[in-house]
C-alpha atoms as a PDB file:
ATOM      1  CA  MET A   1      10.397  68.028  -6.872  1.00  0.00           C
ATOM      2  CA  SER A   2       7.941  64.937  -6.541  1.00  0.00           C
ATOM      3  CA  GLY A   3       5.684  66.308  -9.255  1.00  0.00           C
ATOM      4  CA  ARG A   4       5.189  65.681 -13.120  1.00  0.00           C
ATOM      5  CA  PRO A   5       6.600  68.273 -15.468  1.00  0.00           C
ATOM      6  CA  ASP A   6       4.340  70.001 -17.653  1.00  0.00           C
ATOM      7  CA  SER A   7       4.029  68.424 -21.168  1.00  0.00           C
ATOM      8  CA  ASP A   8       4.374  71.816 -22.852  1.00  0.00           C
ATOM      9  CA  LEU A   9       7.956  73.600 -22.187  1.00  0.00           C
ATOM     10  CA  PRO A  10       8.055  77.411 -22.135  1.00  0.00           C
ATOM     11  CA  PRO A  11       9.376  78.739 -25.417  1.00  0.00           C
ATOM     12  CA  ASP A  12      12.792  79.805 -24.427  1.00  0.00           C
ATOM     13  CA  THR A  13      13.669  75.994 -22.948  1.00  0.00           C
ATOM     14  CA  GLN A  14      12.241  73.864 -26.158  1.00  0.00           C
ATOM     15  CA  THR A  15      14.957  71.574 -27.628  1.00  0.00           C
ATOM     16  CA  THR A  16      13.617  71.692 -31.333  1.00  0.00           C
ATOM     17  CA  PRO A  17      14.576  74.505 -33.331  1.00  0.00           C
ATOM     18  CA  GLN A  18      11.216  76.446 -34.760  1.00  0.00           C
ATOM     19  CA  PRO A  19      11.143  76.596 -38.569  1.00  0.00           C
ATOM     20  CA  THR A  20      11.974  80.083 -39.929  1.00  0.00           C
ATOM     21  CA  GLU A  21      10.884  81.621 -43.077  1.00  0.00           C
ATOM     22  CA  ASP A  22      14.035  80.947 -44.919  1.00  0.00           C
ATOM     23  CA  THR A  23      13.248  77.064 -44.519  1.00  0.00           C
ATOM     24  CA  PRO A  24      10.141  75.434 -45.678  1.00  0.00           C
ATOM     25  CA  GLU A  25       8.539  73.006 -43.108  1.00  0.00           C
ATOM     26  CA  ASP A  26       7.386  70.444 -45.906  1.00  0.00           C
ATOM     27  CA  LEU A  27      10.747  69.950 -47.488  1.00  0.00           C
ATOM     28  CA  PRO A  28      11.414  66.582 -45.947  1.00  0.00           C
ATOM     29  CA  GLU A  29       8.007  65.289 -46.783  1.00  0.00           C
ATOM     30  CA  ALA A  30       8.191  66.300 -50.476  1.00  0.00           C
ATOM     31  CA  GLU A  31      11.605  64.238 -50.621  1.00  0.00           C
ATOM     32  CA  ASP A  32      10.094  61.324 -48.802  1.00  0.00           C
ATOM     33  CA  GLU A  33       6.888  61.567 -51.147  1.00  0.00           C
ATOM     34  CA  ASP A  34       9.618  61.846 -54.315  1.00  0.00           C
ATOM     35  CA  LEU A  35      11.045  58.718 -52.943  1.00  0.00           C
ATOM     36  CA  LEU A  36       8.056  56.872 -52.699  1.00  0.00           C
ATOM     37  CA  LEU A  37       6.833  57.736 -56.061  1.00  0.00           C
ATOM     38  CA  GLU A  38      10.189  56.500 -57.506  1.00  0.00           C
ATOM     39  CA  GLN A  39       9.842  53.112 -55.433  1.00  0.00           C
ATOM     40  CA  ALA A  40       6.522  52.842 -56.769  1.00  0.00           C
ATOM     41  CA  ARG A  41       7.577  53.509 -60.397  1.00  0.00           C
ATOM     42  CA  ARG A  42      10.155  50.973 -60.043  1.00  0.00           C
ATOM     43  CA  ALA A  43       7.856  48.232 -58.760  1.00  0.00           C
ATOM     44  CA  ARG A  44       5.365  48.920 -61.810  1.00  0.00           C
ATOM     45  CA  TRP A  45       8.207  48.465 -64.241  1.00  0.00           C
ATOM     46  CA  ALA A  46       9.583  45.405 -62.438  1.00  0.00           C
ATOM     47  CA  SER A  47       6.291  43.688 -62.489  1.00  0.00           C
ATOM     48  CA  VAL A  48       5.548  44.647 -66.053  1.00  0.00           C
ATOM     49  CA  GLY A  49       8.929  43.260 -67.176  1.00  0.00           C
ATOM     50  CA  THR A  50       8.899  40.076 -65.168  1.00  0.00           C
ATOM     51  CA  GLY A  51       5.084  39.316 -66.422  1.00  0.00           C
ATOM     52  CA  ALA A  52       6.110  39.984 -70.157  1.00  0.00           C
ATOM     53  CA  LEU A  53       9.365  37.918 -69.910  1.00  0.00           C
ATOM     54  CA  LEU A  54       7.609  35.100 -68.317  1.00  0.00           C
ATOM     55  CA  ALA A  55       4.693  35.353 -70.723  1.00  0.00           C
ATOM     56  CA  LEU A  56       7.148  35.181 -73.779  1.00  0.00           C
ATOM     57  CA  ALA A  57       9.067  32.402 -72.080  1.00  0.00           C
ATOM     58  CA  GLY A  58       5.687  30.563 -71.702  1.00  0.00           C
ATOM     59  CA  THR A  59       4.707  31.152 -75.397  1.00  0.00           C
ATOM     60  CA  ALA A  60       8.071  29.705 -76.703  1.00  0.00           C
ATOM     61  CA  ALA A  61       7.858  26.646 -74.537  1.00  0.00           C
ATOM     62  CA  THR A  62       4.293  26.096 -76.040  1.00  0.00           C
ATOM     63  CA  ALA A  63       5.829  26.424 -79.462  1.00  0.00           C
ATOM     64  CA  LEU A  64       8.814  24.166 -78.658  1.00  0.00           C
ATOM     65  CA  ARG A  65       6.494  21.684 -77.040  1.00  0.00           C
ATOM     66  CA  ALA A  66       3.932  21.770 -80.124  1.00  0.00           C
ATOM     67  CA  ALA A  67       6.920  20.971 -82.300  1.00  0.00           C
ATOM     68  CA  ASP A  68       7.923  17.906 -80.489  1.00  0.00           C
ATOM     69  CA  ALA A  69       4.304  16.664 -80.432  1.00  0.00           C
ATOM     70  CA  ALA A  70       3.787  16.726 -76.684  1.00  0.00           C
ATOM     71  CA  PRO A  71       0.421  16.026 -75.039  1.00  0.00           C
ATOM     72  CA  ALA A  72      -2.239  18.695 -75.327  1.00  0.00           C
ATOM     73  CA  LEU A  73      -2.352  18.961 -71.850  1.00  0.00           C
ATOM     74  CA  VAL A  74       1.065  20.149 -71.745  1.00  0.00           C
ATOM     75  CA  LEU A  75       0.458  22.697 -74.320  1.00  0.00           C
ATOM     76  CA  ALA A  76      -2.645  23.929 -72.701  1.00  0.00           C
ATOM     77  CA  ALA A  77      -0.684  24.358 -69.175  1.00  0.00           C
ATOM     78  CA  TYR A  78       2.023  26.347 -70.808  1.00  0.00           C
ATOM     79  CA  ALA A  79      -0.192  28.328 -73.057  1.00  0.00           C
ATOM     80  CA  CYS A  80      -2.546  29.224 -69.890  1.00  0.00           C
ATOM     81  CA  GLY A  81       0.514  29.974 -67.846  1.00  0.00           C
ATOM     82  CA  ALA A  82       1.482  32.633 -70.348  1.00  0.00           C
ATOM     83  CA  ALA A  83      -1.731  34.140 -70.652  1.00  0.00           C
ATOM     84  CA  VAL A  84      -1.642  34.503 -66.716  1.00  0.00           C
ATOM     85  CA  CYS A  85       1.714  36.070 -66.875  1.00  0.00           C
ATOM     86  CA  ALA A  86       0.651  38.382 -69.586  1.00  0.00           C
ATOM     87  CA  LEU A  87      -2.309  39.348 -67.398  1.00  0.00           C
ATOM     88  CA  ALA A  88       0.216  39.981 -64.583  1.00  0.00           C
ATOM     89  CA  ALA A  89       2.104  42.377 -66.853  1.00  0.00           C
ATOM     90  CA  VAL A  90      -1.111  44.245 -67.496  1.00  0.00           C
ATOM     91  CA  LEU A  91      -2.058  44.347 -63.647  1.00  0.00           C
ATOM     92  CA  GLY A  92       1.676  45.696 -63.172  1.00  0.00           C
ATOM     93  CA  ALA A  93       1.413  48.369 -65.606  1.00  0.00           C
ATOM     94  CA  ARG A  94      -1.910  49.712 -63.969  1.00  0.00           C
ATOM     95  CA  GLY A  95      -0.155  50.165 -60.706  1.00  0.00           C
ATOM     96  CA  ARG A  96      -1.521  46.893 -59.061  1.00  0.00           C
ATOM     97  CA  THR A  97       1.984  45.455 -58.173  1.00  0.00           C
ATOM     98  CA  ARG A  98       0.865  43.225 -55.349  1.00  0.00           C
ATOM     99  CA  ARG A  99      -1.985  41.509 -57.526  1.00  0.00           C
ATOM    100  CA  ALA A 100       0.758  41.288 -60.206  1.00  0.00           C
ATOM    101  CA  LEU A 101       3.056  39.467 -58.185  1.00  0.00           C
ATOM    102  CA  TRP A 102       0.673  37.058 -57.284  1.00  0.00           C
ATOM    103  CA  THR A 103      -0.618  36.628 -60.617  1.00  0.00           C
ATOM    104  CA  THR A 104       2.855  35.871 -61.859  1.00  0.00           C
ATOM    105  CA  VAL A 105       3.422  33.178 -59.207  1.00  0.00           C
ATOM    106  CA  ALA A 106       0.154  31.636 -60.190  1.00  0.00           C
ATOM    107  CA  GLY A 107       1.247  31.825 -64.010  1.00  0.00           C
ATOM    108  CA  VAL A 108       4.528  30.214 -63.300  1.00  0.00           C
ATOM    109  CA  MET A 109       2.854  27.404 -61.193  1.00  0.00           C
ATOM    110  CA  VAL A 110       0.763  26.484 -63.811  1.00  0.00           C
ATOM    111  CA  MET A 111       3.632  26.451 -66.590  1.00  0.00           C
ATOM    112  CA  ALA A 112       5.752  24.074 -63.930  1.00  0.00           C
ATOM    113  CA  LEU A 113       2.498  22.006 -63.787  1.00  0.00           C
ATOM    114  CA  GLY A 114       2.628  21.216 -67.340  1.00  0.00           C
ATOM    115  CA  ASP A 115       6.261  20.585 -67.317  1.00  0.00           C
ATOM    116  CA  HIS A 116       5.205  17.881 -64.639  1.00  0.00           C
ATOM    117  CA  PHE A 117       2.917  16.405 -67.088  1.00  0.00           C
ATOM    118  CA  ASP A 118       5.295  15.893 -69.824  1.00  0.00           C
END
């Protein structure tokens, strides 16, 4: 027996069961698709919530710094960071979760830059 075996086995020796009429073939695929849709929905809501929360925090920081008579550069940095985080929330709501993540990071970095100038 030095030859290669055939790639297609005869029907009576196949190891995987053939689908019957009682079990639909696409049931595992439908469950996977539902799982992916649920994960995408969670990612969208997480990006919307994070962006909105950080935008609110940046707005509050701008208001608090304005009451303390902070330099204009600090106020501008917090306000711009809050605007960028609000943009991230909008991107997340539209399903652009990867862009929303990077936009959120950029907004937080701008706010951190404003904190550095203070």
